[in-house]
Amino acid sequence: TANRKERRRTQSINSAFAELRECIPNVPADTKLSKIKTLRLATSYIAYLMDLLAKDDQNGEAEAFKAEIKKTDVKEEKRKKELNEILKKHSEQQR
């Protein structure tokens, strides 16, 4: 039915937002971000990563990404390290 399809669609969107929230570093796990805040932090983090890659190409050093929420979580630090490794491999492959 239409209700079931809409429910599945909503669950899928909510699941995608939950995954996106997990990719943003320095946000405490117990913090509930709105969808708009999640999108804004994600775009800010992407811009930070792009700057980091640009500075890396110039052998410069970049400051660490700082979300508006300051608390750091061990799980998020691990995810950040994994992301940096992926970006490093990607950068090496493009050379």
C-alpha atoms as a PDB file:
ATOM      1  CA  THR A   1       0.000   0.000   0.000  1.00  0.00           C
ATOM      2  CA  ALA A   2       0.982   3.662  -0.247  1.00  0.00           C
ATOM      3  CA  ASN A   3       1.389   3.927   3.530  1.00  0.00           C
ATOM      4  CA  ARG A   4       3.802   1.011   3.606  1.00  0.00           C
ATOM      5  CA  LYS A   5       5.857   2.475   0.736  1.00  0.00           C
ATOM      6  CA  GLU A   6       6.025   5.855   2.448  1.00  0.00           C
ATOM      7  CA  ARG A   7       7.010   4.234   5.742  1.00  0.00           C
ATOM      8  CA  ARG A   8       9.832   2.320   3.985  1.00  0.00           C
ATOM      9  CA  ARG A   9      10.972   5.475   2.214  1.00  0.00           C
ATOM     10  CA  THR A  10      11.021   7.417   5.494  1.00  0.00           C
ATOM     11  CA  GLN A  11      12.914   4.626   7.248  1.00  0.00           C
ATOM     12  CA  SER A  12      15.435   4.545   4.410  1.00  0.00           C
ATOM     13  CA  ILE A  13      15.998   8.300   4.618  1.00  0.00           C
ATOM     14  CA  ASN A  14      16.320   8.176   8.409  1.00  0.00           C
ATOM     15  CA  SER A  15      18.794   5.312   8.122  1.00  0.00           C
ATOM     16  CA  ALA A  16      20.871   7.276   5.609  1.00  0.00           C
ATOM     17  CA  PHE A  17      20.918  10.296   7.932  1.00  0.00           C
ATOM     18  CA  ALA A  18      22.020   8.068  10.826  1.00  0.00           C
ATOM     19  CA  GLU A  19      24.904   6.757   8.708  1.00  0.00           C
ATOM     20  CA  LEU A  20      25.854  10.299   7.713  1.00  0.00           C
ATOM     21  CA  ARG A  21      25.824  11.412  11.375  1.00  0.00           C
ATOM     22  CA  GLU A  22      28.291   8.635  12.183  1.00  0.00           C
ATOM     23  CA  CYS A  23      30.724  10.017   9.580  1.00  0.00           C
ATOM     24  CA  ILE A  24      30.970  13.451  11.187  1.00  0.00           C
ATOM     25  CA  PRO A  25      33.832  13.556  13.722  1.00  0.00           C
ATOM     26  CA  ASN A  26      33.758  15.228  17.130  1.00  0.00           C
ATOM     27  CA  VAL A  27      30.027  14.800  17.682  1.00  0.00           C
ATOM     28  CA  PRO A  28      29.197  12.896  20.879  1.00  0.00           C
ATOM     29  CA  ALA A  29      27.373   9.635  20.217  1.00  0.00           C
ATOM     30  CA  ASP A  30      24.517  10.656  22.520  1.00  0.00           C
ATOM     31  CA  THR A  31      23.898  13.915  20.613  1.00  0.00           C
ATOM     32  CA  LYS A  32      20.804  13.965  18.401  1.00  0.00           C
ATOM     33  CA  LEU A  33      21.423  16.182  15.386  1.00  0.00           C
ATOM     34  CA  SER A  34      18.539  17.444  13.298  1.00  0.00           C
ATOM     35  CA  LYS A  35      18.566  16.565   9.612  1.00  0.00           C
ATOM     36  CA  ILE A  36      19.478  20.117   8.614  1.00  0.00           C
ATOM     37  CA  LYS A  37      22.274  20.291  11.218  1.00  0.00           C
ATOM     38  CA  THR A  38      23.567  16.932   9.975  1.00  0.00           C
ATOM     39  CA  LEU A  39      23.651  18.198   6.388  1.00  0.00           C
ATOM     40  CA  ARG A  40      25.351  21.445   7.388  1.00  0.00           C
ATOM     41  CA  LEU A  41      28.011  19.686   9.471  1.00  0.00           C
ATOM     42  CA  ALA A  42      28.569  17.130   6.699  1.00  0.00           C
ATOM     43  CA  THR A  43      29.060  19.828   4.061  1.00  0.00           C
ATOM     44  CA  SER A  44      31.372  21.692   6.422  1.00  0.00           C
ATOM     45  CA  TYR A  45      33.379  18.508   6.992  1.00  0.00           C
ATOM     46  CA  ILE A  46      33.576  17.817   3.243  1.00  0.00           C
ATOM     47  CA  ALA A  47      34.876  21.363   2.692  1.00  0.00           C
ATOM     48  CA  TYR A  48      37.436  20.774   5.450  1.00  0.00           C
ATOM     49  CA  LEU A  49      38.560  17.522   3.809  1.00  0.00           C
ATOM     50  CA  MET A  50      38.872  19.246   0.436  1.00  0.00           C
ATOM     51  CA  ASP A  51      41.050  21.946   2.037  1.00  0.00           C
ATOM     52  CA  LEU A  52      43.086  19.250   3.739  1.00  0.00           C
ATOM     53  CA  LEU A  53      43.698  17.504   0.425  1.00  0.00           C
ATOM     54  CA  ALA A  54      44.619  20.786  -1.255  1.00  0.00           C
ATOM     55  CA  LYS A  55      47.062  21.658   1.530  1.00  0.00           C
ATOM     56  CA  ASP A  56      48.456  18.124   1.467  1.00  0.00           C
ATOM     57  CA  ASP A  57      49.182  18.585  -2.234  1.00  0.00           C
ATOM     58  CA  GLN A  58      51.116  21.717  -1.268  1.00  0.00           C
ATOM     59  CA  ASN A  59      52.812  19.901   1.660  1.00  0.00           C
ATOM     60  CA  GLY A  60      51.153  22.240   4.134  1.00  0.00           C
ATOM     61  CA  GLU A  61      49.552  21.406   7.428  1.00  0.00           C
ATOM     62  CA  ALA A  62      45.865  21.882   8.127  1.00  0.00           C
ATOM     63  CA  GLU A  63      44.064  22.350  11.404  1.00  0.00           C
ATOM     64  CA  ALA A  64      41.868  19.532  12.679  1.00  0.00           C
ATOM     65  CA  PHE A  65      38.172  19.687  11.793  1.00  0.00           C
ATOM     66  CA  LYS A  66      36.107  21.218  14.567  1.00  0.00           C
ATOM     67  CA  ALA A  67      32.388  20.607  14.576  1.00  0.00           C
ATOM     68  CA  GLU A  68      30.350  23.051  16.616  1.00  0.00           C
ATOM     69  CA  ILE A  69      30.031  20.284  19.186  1.00  0.00           C
ATOM     70  CA  LYS A  70      33.458  19.864  20.779  1.00  0.00           C
ATOM     71  CA  LYS A  71      33.396  16.499  22.597  1.00  0.00           C
ATOM     72  CA  THR A  72      35.480  13.770  20.915  1.00  0.00           C
ATOM     73  CA  ASP A  73      34.402  10.138  20.918  1.00  0.00           C
ATOM     74  CA  VAL A  74      36.818   7.196  20.516  1.00  0.00           C
ATOM     75  CA  LYS A  75      34.627   5.612  17.830  1.00  0.00           C
ATOM     76  CA  GLU A  76      34.610   8.851  15.865  1.00  0.00           C
ATOM     77  CA  GLU A  77      38.394   9.236  16.155  1.00  0.00           C
ATOM     78  CA  LYS A  78      38.786   5.728  14.726  1.00  0.00           C
ATOM     79  CA  ARG A  79      36.412   6.580  11.872  1.00  0.00           C
ATOM     80  CA  LYS A  80      38.334   9.806  11.209  1.00  0.00           C
ATOM     81  CA  LYS A  81      41.622   7.882  11.006  1.00  0.00           C
ATOM     82  CA  GLU A  82      40.051   5.357   8.628  1.00  0.00           C
ATOM     83  CA  LEU A  83      38.724   8.173   6.451  1.00  0.00           C
ATOM     84  CA  ASN A  84      42.142   9.827   6.371  1.00  0.00           C
ATOM     85  CA  GLU A  85      43.719   6.523   5.289  1.00  0.00           C
ATOM     86  CA  ILE A  86      41.154   6.144   2.493  1.00  0.00           C
ATOM     87  CA  LEU A  87      41.749   9.712   1.347  1.00  0.00           C
ATOM     88  CA  LYS A  88      45.511   9.166   1.440  1.00  0.00           C
ATOM     89  CA  LYS A  89      45.216   6.012  -0.688  1.00  0.00           C
ATOM     90  CA  HIS A  90      42.895   7.822  -3.104  1.00  0.00           C
ATOM     91  CA  SER A  91      45.343  10.708  -3.369  1.00  0.00           C
ATOM     92  CA  GLU A  92      48.229   8.305  -4.055  1.00  0.00           C
ATOM     93  CA  GLN A  93      46.236   6.497  -6.748  1.00  0.00           C
ATOM     94  CA  GLN A  94      45.570   9.733  -8.595  1.00  0.00           C
ATOM     95  CA  ARG A  95      49.270  10.584  -8.851  1.00  0.00           C
END
